[in-house]
Amino acid sequence: MTINWGSPARPKYLSFVYGKYWDKGDFKLFSFNKVPLGWSMNIWRLSISYDNYEKVK
């Protein structure tokens, strides 16, 4: 599921992905990573990411 807001030229996205059938090796119990456009967090098989395309130059 993805939620987006902001103007079409500078959108922001919040994404949720639940991986029921994904390989367990792809996930850690908990991890948090900063990425150039926002952040990404994994809690077991749930992945939450935030992307702010306003930061793109």
N, C-alpha and C. Protein backbone atom coordinates (compact mmCIF):
# COMPACT_ATOMS: atom_id res chain seq x y z
N MET A 1 0.85 -1.16 0.00
CA MET A 1 0.00 0.00 0.00
C MET A 1 0.90 1.24 0.00
N THR A 2 0.55 2.20 -0.81
CA THR A 2 1.32 3.44 -0.89
C THR A 2 0.40 4.63 -0.68
N ILE A 3 0.83 5.56 0.15
CA ILE A 3 0.12 6.82 0.37
C ILE A 3 1.01 7.92 -0.18
N ASN A 4 0.44 8.79 -1.01
CA ASN A 4 1.23 9.90 -1.52
C ASN A 4 0.50 11.22 -1.30
N TRP A 5 1.29 12.29 -1.16
CA TRP A 5 0.76 13.63 -0.98
C TRP A 5 1.79 14.62 -1.51
N GLY A 6 1.45 15.86 -1.51
CA GLY A 6 2.33 16.89 -2.05
C GLY A 6 1.92 17.24 -3.47
N SER A 7 2.64 18.15 -4.06
CA SER A 7 2.33 18.56 -5.43
C SER A 7 2.85 17.52 -6.42
N PRO A 8 2.31 17.48 -7.64
CA PRO A 8 2.80 16.53 -8.64
C PRO A 8 4.29 16.71 -8.95
N ALA A 9 4.80 17.92 -8.84
CA ALA A 9 6.21 18.17 -9.13
C ALA A 9 7.11 17.76 -7.96
N ARG A 10 6.57 17.71 -6.75
CA ARG A 10 7.35 17.38 -5.55
C ARG A 10 6.57 16.42 -4.64
N PRO A 11 6.35 15.20 -5.12
CA PRO A 11 5.55 14.26 -4.33
C PRO A 11 6.31 13.67 -3.15
N LYS A 12 5.55 13.17 -2.20
CA LYS A 12 6.08 12.46 -1.03
C LYS A 12 5.31 11.14 -0.95
N TYR A 13 6.00 10.08 -0.60
CA TYR A 13 5.39 8.76 -0.54
C TYR A 13 5.69 8.06 0.78
N LEU A 14 4.70 7.36 1.29
CA LEU A 14 4.86 6.49 2.44
C LEU A 14 4.35 5.12 1.99
N SER A 15 5.21 4.11 2.03
CA SER A 15 4.88 2.79 1.51
C SER A 15 4.93 1.75 2.62
N PHE A 16 3.99 0.82 2.57
CA PHE A 16 3.93 -0.30 3.50
C PHE A 16 3.90 -1.59 2.69
N VAL A 17 4.78 -2.52 3.00
CA VAL A 17 4.81 -3.81 2.31
C VAL A 17 4.91 -4.89 3.37
N TYR A 18 4.00 -5.87 3.28
CA TYR A 18 4.06 -7.01 4.18
C TYR A 18 4.44 -8.23 3.36
N GLY A 19 5.52 -8.88 3.69
CA GLY A 19 6.03 -10.00 2.92
C GLY A 19 5.76 -11.33 3.57
N LYS A 20 4.57 -11.86 3.40
CA LYS A 20 4.21 -13.13 4.02
C LYS A 20 5.01 -14.28 3.44
N TYR A 21 5.30 -14.24 2.15
CA TYR A 21 5.98 -15.35 1.51
C TYR A 21 7.41 -15.02 1.08
N TRP A 22 7.96 -13.92 1.57
CA TRP A 22 9.32 -13.55 1.19
C TRP A 22 10.33 -14.38 1.95
N ASP A 23 11.51 -14.46 1.41
CA ASP A 23 12.60 -15.20 2.04
C ASP A 23 12.99 -14.56 3.35
N LYS A 24 13.09 -15.32 4.41
CA LYS A 24 13.43 -14.77 5.73
C LYS A 24 14.81 -14.12 5.73
N GLY A 25 15.69 -14.51 4.83
CA GLY A 25 17.02 -13.92 4.76
C GLY A 25 16.99 -12.47 4.33
N ASP A 26 15.89 -12.04 3.71
CA ASP A 26 15.77 -10.65 3.25
C ASP A 26 15.44 -9.69 4.39
N PHE A 27 15.03 -10.21 5.54
CA PHE A 27 14.56 -9.37 6.63
C PHE A 27 15.36 -9.59 7.90
N LYS A 28 15.48 -8.55 8.67
CA LYS A 28 16.03 -8.63 10.02
C LYS A 28 14.88 -8.41 10.98
N LEU A 29 15.09 -8.72 12.25
CA LEU A 29 14.02 -8.50 13.21
C LEU A 29 13.65 -7.02 13.26
N PHE A 30 14.66 -6.14 13.26
CA PHE A 30 14.42 -4.71 13.21
C PHE A 30 15.61 -4.03 12.55
N SER A 31 15.35 -3.14 11.62
CA SER A 31 16.42 -2.34 11.02
C SER A 31 15.85 -0.99 10.60
N PHE A 32 16.69 0.02 10.65
CA PHE A 32 16.31 1.37 10.24
C PHE A 32 17.47 1.93 9.41
N ASN A 33 17.18 2.39 8.21
CA ASN A 33 18.20 2.92 7.31
C ASN A 33 17.80 4.29 6.79
N LYS A 34 18.74 5.21 6.80
CA LYS A 34 18.55 6.50 6.15
C LYS A 34 18.97 6.34 4.69
N VAL A 35 18.14 6.83 3.79
CA VAL A 35 18.44 6.81 2.36
C VAL A 35 18.45 8.26 1.88
N PRO A 36 19.02 8.53 0.71
CA PRO A 36 19.12 9.93 0.26
C PRO A 36 17.79 10.70 0.23
N LEU A 37 16.68 10.03 -0.06
CA LEU A 37 15.40 10.73 -0.17
C LEU A 37 14.52 10.60 1.06
N GLY A 38 14.95 9.86 2.08
CA GLY A 38 14.11 9.70 3.26
C GLY A 38 14.65 8.62 4.17
N TRP A 39 13.82 7.58 4.45
CA TRP A 39 14.24 6.51 5.34
C TRP A 39 13.48 5.23 5.01
N SER A 40 13.99 4.13 5.53
CA SER A 40 13.37 2.83 5.36
C SER A 40 13.49 2.07 6.68
N MET A 41 12.42 1.37 7.07
CA MET A 41 12.43 0.63 8.33
C MET A 41 11.80 -0.74 8.09
N ASN A 42 12.43 -1.78 8.62
CA ASN A 42 11.90 -3.13 8.56
C ASN A 42 11.66 -3.64 9.97
N ILE A 43 10.49 -4.18 10.19
CA ILE A 43 10.16 -4.85 11.44
C ILE A 43 9.66 -6.24 11.05
N TRP A 44 10.48 -7.22 11.25
CA TRP A 44 10.24 -8.60 10.89
C TRP A 44 9.88 -8.68 9.41
N ARG A 45 8.64 -8.86 9.01
CA ARG A 45 8.27 -8.95 7.59
C ARG A 45 7.54 -7.72 7.09
N LEU A 46 7.47 -6.68 7.87
CA LEU A 46 6.82 -5.44 7.47
C LEU A 46 7.89 -4.42 7.11
N SER A 47 7.77 -3.85 5.94
CA SER A 47 8.70 -2.81 5.49
C SER A 47 7.92 -1.50 5.34
N ILE A 48 8.46 -0.44 5.93
CA ILE A 48 7.86 0.90 5.84
C ILE A 48 8.93 1.83 5.28
N SER A 49 8.60 2.57 4.24
CA SER A 49 9.58 3.49 3.68
C SER A 49 8.93 4.84 3.38
N TYR A 50 9.74 5.89 3.51
CA TYR A 50 9.31 7.26 3.25
C TYR A 50 10.26 7.86 2.24
N ASP A 51 9.70 8.38 1.15
CA ASP A 51 10.49 9.03 0.11
C ASP A 51 9.98 10.44 -0.09
N ASN A 52 10.87 11.41 -0.06
CA ASN A 52 10.53 12.82 -0.25
C ASN A 52 11.24 13.29 -1.51
N TYR A 53 10.52 13.31 -2.64
CA TYR A 53 11.14 13.69 -3.90
C TYR A 53 11.39 15.20 -4.01
N GLU A 54 11.00 15.96 -3.00
CA GLU A 54 11.30 17.38 -2.96
C GLU A 54 12.81 17.59 -2.83
N LYS A 55 13.52 16.60 -2.28
CA LYS A 55 14.96 16.69 -2.09
C LYS A 55 15.76 16.47 -3.37
N VAL A 56 15.11 16.02 -4.44
CA VAL A 56 15.79 15.79 -5.72
C VAL A 56 16.11 17.14 -6.35
N LYS A 57 17.36 17.30 -6.78
CA LYS A 57 17.75 18.58 -7.40
C LYS A 57 18.02 18.41 -8.86
